[in-house]
C-alpha atoms as a PDB file:
ATOM      1  CA  UNK A   1      -3.240  52.751 -17.745  1.00  0.00           C
ATOM      2  CA  UNK A   2      -4.167  50.657 -15.018  1.00  0.00           C
ATOM      3  CA  UNK A   3      -1.965  47.655 -16.189  1.00  0.00           C
ATOM      4  CA  UNK A   4       1.194  50.141 -16.015  1.00  0.00           C
ATOM      5  CA  UNK A   5       0.236  50.656 -12.313  1.00  0.00           C
ATOM      6  CA  UNK A   6      -0.042  47.231 -11.761  1.00  0.00           C
ATOM      7  CA  UNK A   7       3.460  46.542 -13.252  1.00  0.00           C
ATOM      8  CA  UNK A   8       4.768  49.308 -11.055  1.00  0.00           C
ATOM      9  CA  UNK A   9       3.383  47.616  -8.074  1.00  0.00           C
ATOM     10  CA  UNK A  10       4.483  44.271  -9.118  1.00  0.00           C
ATOM     11  CA  UNK A  11       8.027  45.340  -9.778  1.00  0.00           C
ATOM     12  CA  UNK A  12       7.987  47.249  -6.212  1.00  0.00           C
ATOM     13  CA  UNK A  13       6.895  43.946  -4.528  1.00  0.00           C
ATOM     14  CA  UNK A  14       9.490  41.819  -6.138  1.00  0.00           C
ATOM     15  CA  UNK A  15      12.236  43.972  -5.219  1.00  0.00           C
ATOM     16  CA  UNK A  16      10.811  44.256  -1.694  1.00  0.00           C
ATOM     17  CA  UNK A  17      11.000  40.405  -1.964  1.00  0.00           C
ATOM     18  CA  UNK A  18       7.092  40.174  -1.437  1.00  0.00           C
ATOM     19  CA  UNK A  19       6.293  38.628  -4.775  1.00  0.00           C
ATOM     20  CA  UNK A  20       7.874  36.187  -7.524  1.00  0.00           C
ATOM     21  CA  UNK A  21       9.182  37.210 -10.643  1.00  0.00           C
ATOM     22  CA  UNK A  22       6.501  35.459 -12.200  1.00  0.00           C
ATOM     23  CA  UNK A  23       3.882  38.481 -10.863  1.00  0.00           C
ATOM     24  CA  UNK A  24       6.150  40.767 -12.813  1.00  0.00           C
ATOM     25  CA  UNK A  25       6.238  38.679 -15.934  1.00  0.00           C
ATOM     26  CA  UNK A  26       2.343  38.365 -15.939  1.00  0.00           C
ATOM     27  CA  UNK A  27       2.085  42.173 -15.369  1.00  0.00           C
ATOM     28  CA  UNK A  28       4.441  42.952 -18.251  1.00  0.00           C
ATOM     29  CA  UNK A  29       2.415  40.854 -20.190  1.00  0.00           C
ATOM     30  CA  UNK A  30      -0.774  42.385 -19.353  1.00  0.00           C
ATOM     31  CA  UNK A  31       0.643  46.186 -19.906  1.00  0.00           C
ATOM     32  CA  UNK A  32       1.813  45.107 -23.305  1.00  0.00           C
ATOM     33  CA  UNK A  33      -1.482  43.706 -24.346  1.00  0.00           C
ATOM     34  CA  UNK A  34      -3.480  46.505 -23.193  1.00  0.00           C
ATOM     35  CA  UNK A  35      -0.969  48.697 -25.095  1.00  0.00           C
ATOM     36  CA  UNK A  36      -1.321  46.599 -28.488  1.00  0.00           C
ATOM     37  CA  UNK A  37      -5.081  46.956 -27.930  1.00  0.00           C
ATOM     38  CA  UNK A  38      -4.753  51.135 -27.882  1.00  0.00           C
ATOM     39  CA  UNK A  39      -2.791  51.033 -30.860  1.00  0.00           C
ATOM     40  CA  UNK A  40      -4.965  48.880 -32.687  1.00  0.00           C
ATOM     41  CA  UNK A  41      -8.044  51.086 -31.598  1.00  0.00           C
ATOM     42  CA  UNK A  42      -5.845  54.195 -32.672  1.00  0.00           C
ATOM     43  CA  UNK A  43      -5.337  52.538 -36.198  1.00  0.00           C
ATOM     44  CA  UNK A  44      -8.876  51.535 -36.591  1.00  0.00           C
ATOM     45  CA  UNK A  45      -9.714  55.372 -35.760  1.00  0.00           C
ATOM     46  CA  UNK A  46      -7.600  56.990 -38.113  1.00  0.00           C
ATOM     47  CA  UNK A  47      -8.849  53.999 -40.868  1.00  0.00           C
ATOM     48  CA  UNK A  48     -12.186  55.584 -40.199  1.00  0.00           C
ATOM     49  CA  UNK A  49     -11.257  59.241 -40.612  1.00  0.00           C
ATOM     50  CA  UNK A  50      -9.854  58.279 -44.040  1.00  0.00           C
ATOM     51  CA  UNK A  51     -13.173  56.572 -45.105  1.00  0.00           C
ATOM     52  CA  UNK A  52     -15.239  59.048 -43.502  1.00  0.00           C
ATOM     53  CA  UNK A  53     -13.353  61.860 -45.712  1.00  0.00           C
ATOM     54  CA  UNK A  54     -13.350  59.626 -48.819  1.00  0.00           C
ATOM     55  CA  UNK A  55     -17.381  59.368 -48.380  1.00  0.00           C
ATOM     56  CA  UNK A  56     -17.877  62.930 -47.995  1.00  0.00           C
ATOM     57  CA  UNK A  57     -16.118  63.384 -51.505  1.00  0.00           C
ATOM     58  CA  UNK A  58     -12.702  63.275 -51.153  1.00  0.00           C
ATOM     59  CA  UNK A  59      -9.816  65.458 -49.984  1.00  0.00           C
ATOM     60  CA  UNK A  60      -8.669  68.782 -50.250  1.00  0.00           C
ATOM     61  CA  UNK A  61      -6.250  69.947 -52.415  1.00  0.00           C
ATOM     62  CA  UNK A  62      -2.924  71.387 -50.786  1.00  0.00           C
ATOM     63  CA  UNK A  63      -3.830  74.981 -52.269  1.00  0.00           C
ATOM     64  CA  UNK A  64      -6.893  74.710 -50.343  1.00  0.00           C
ATOM     65  CA  UNK A  65      -5.028  74.008 -46.824  1.00  0.00           C
ATOM     66  CA  UNK A  66      -4.263  77.054 -44.803  1.00  0.00           C
ATOM     67  CA  UNK A  67      -0.298  77.413 -44.036  1.00  0.00           C
ATOM     68  CA  UNK A  68       1.151  75.723 -41.027  1.00  0.00           C
ATOM     69  CA  UNK A  69       2.067  79.027 -39.183  1.00  0.00           C
ATOM     70  CA  UNK A  70      -1.697  80.113 -40.007  1.00  0.00           C
ATOM     71  CA  UNK A  71      -2.851  77.269 -38.174  1.00  0.00           C
ATOM     72  CA  UNK A  72      -0.685  77.483 -34.975  1.00  0.00           C
ATOM     73  CA  UNK A  73      -1.582  81.151 -34.612  1.00  0.00           C
ATOM     74  CA  UNK A  74      -5.352  80.763 -34.839  1.00  0.00           C
ATOM     75  CA  UNK A  75      -7.329  80.117 -32.028  1.00  0.00           C
ATOM     76  CA  UNK A  76      -9.625  76.840 -32.399  1.00  0.00           C
ATOM     77  CA  UNK A  77     -10.054  75.049 -35.383  1.00  0.00           C
ATOM     78  CA  UNK A  78      -9.445  76.103 -38.910  1.00  0.00           C
ATOM     79  CA  UNK A  79     -12.547  76.733 -41.410  1.00  0.00           C
ATOM     80  CA  UNK A  80     -13.158  74.087 -44.068  1.00  0.00           C
ATOM     81  CA  UNK A  81     -12.389  75.009 -47.858  1.00  0.00           C
ATOM     82  CA  UNK A  82     -15.433  76.569 -49.563  1.00  0.00           C
ATOM     83  CA  UNK A  83     -15.120  74.482 -52.396  1.00  0.00           C
ATOM     84  CA  UNK A  84     -14.091  70.673 -52.960  1.00  0.00           C
ATOM     85  CA  UNK A  85     -11.884  69.161 -55.719  1.00  0.00           C
ATOM     86  CA  UNK A  86     -14.720  69.043 -58.524  1.00  0.00           C
ATOM     87  CA  UNK A  87     -15.574  72.631 -57.592  1.00  0.00           C
ATOM     88  CA  UNK A  88     -18.809  71.965 -55.360  1.00  0.00           C
ATOM     89  CA  UNK A  89     -19.574  73.272 -52.143  1.00  0.00           C
ATOM     90  CA  UNK A  90     -19.815  70.724 -49.512  1.00  0.00           C
ATOM     91  CA  UNK A  91     -23.802  71.833 -49.378  1.00  0.00           C
ATOM     92  CA  UNK A  92     -24.356  71.186 -53.212  1.00  0.00           C
ATOM     93  CA  UNK A  93     -22.494  68.182 -53.070  1.00  0.00           C
ATOM     94  CA  UNK A  94     -24.945  66.815 -50.027  1.00  0.00           C
ATOM     95  CA  UNK A  95     -27.839  67.821 -52.219  1.00  0.00           C
ATOM     96  CA  UNK A  96     -26.962  66.326 -55.071  1.00  0.00           C
ATOM     97  CA  UNK A  97     -26.316  63.006 -53.075  1.00  0.00           C
ATOM     98  CA  UNK A  98     -29.481  63.200 -51.569  1.00  0.00           C
ATOM     99  CA  UNK A  99     -31.767  63.946 -54.722  1.00  0.00           C
ATOM    100  CA  UNK A 100     -29.928  60.762 -56.260  1.00  0.00           C
ATOM    101  CA  UNK A 101     -30.868  58.533 -53.295  1.00  0.00           C
ATOM    102  CA  UNK A 102     -34.368  59.426 -53.814  1.00  0.00           C
ATOM    103  CA  UNK A 103     -34.350  58.428 -57.214  1.00  0.00           C
ATOM    104  CA  UNK A 104     -33.119  54.912 -56.593  1.00  0.00           C
END
């Protein structure tokens, strides 16, 4: 990140006697603030992923998930399970939702 580079430069300038320690502390504060923002964004992305999975009909049963060694040995991403927790396929669940929304 740019703030980390600015912190490195501020430290170098301080050690060379060109800048005051206030410049280093300001750069540290900026870097920490940027790092906190990145963590908050990551947290919101993960929460949004969970909400998306719930909105699409819930999660998967552990039995539907591939084994860990099967995931690491495959190229590309693993396929979605064929049925959801209630036995419906994702396509049939989506069709049911669409027909319900037209009735309202």
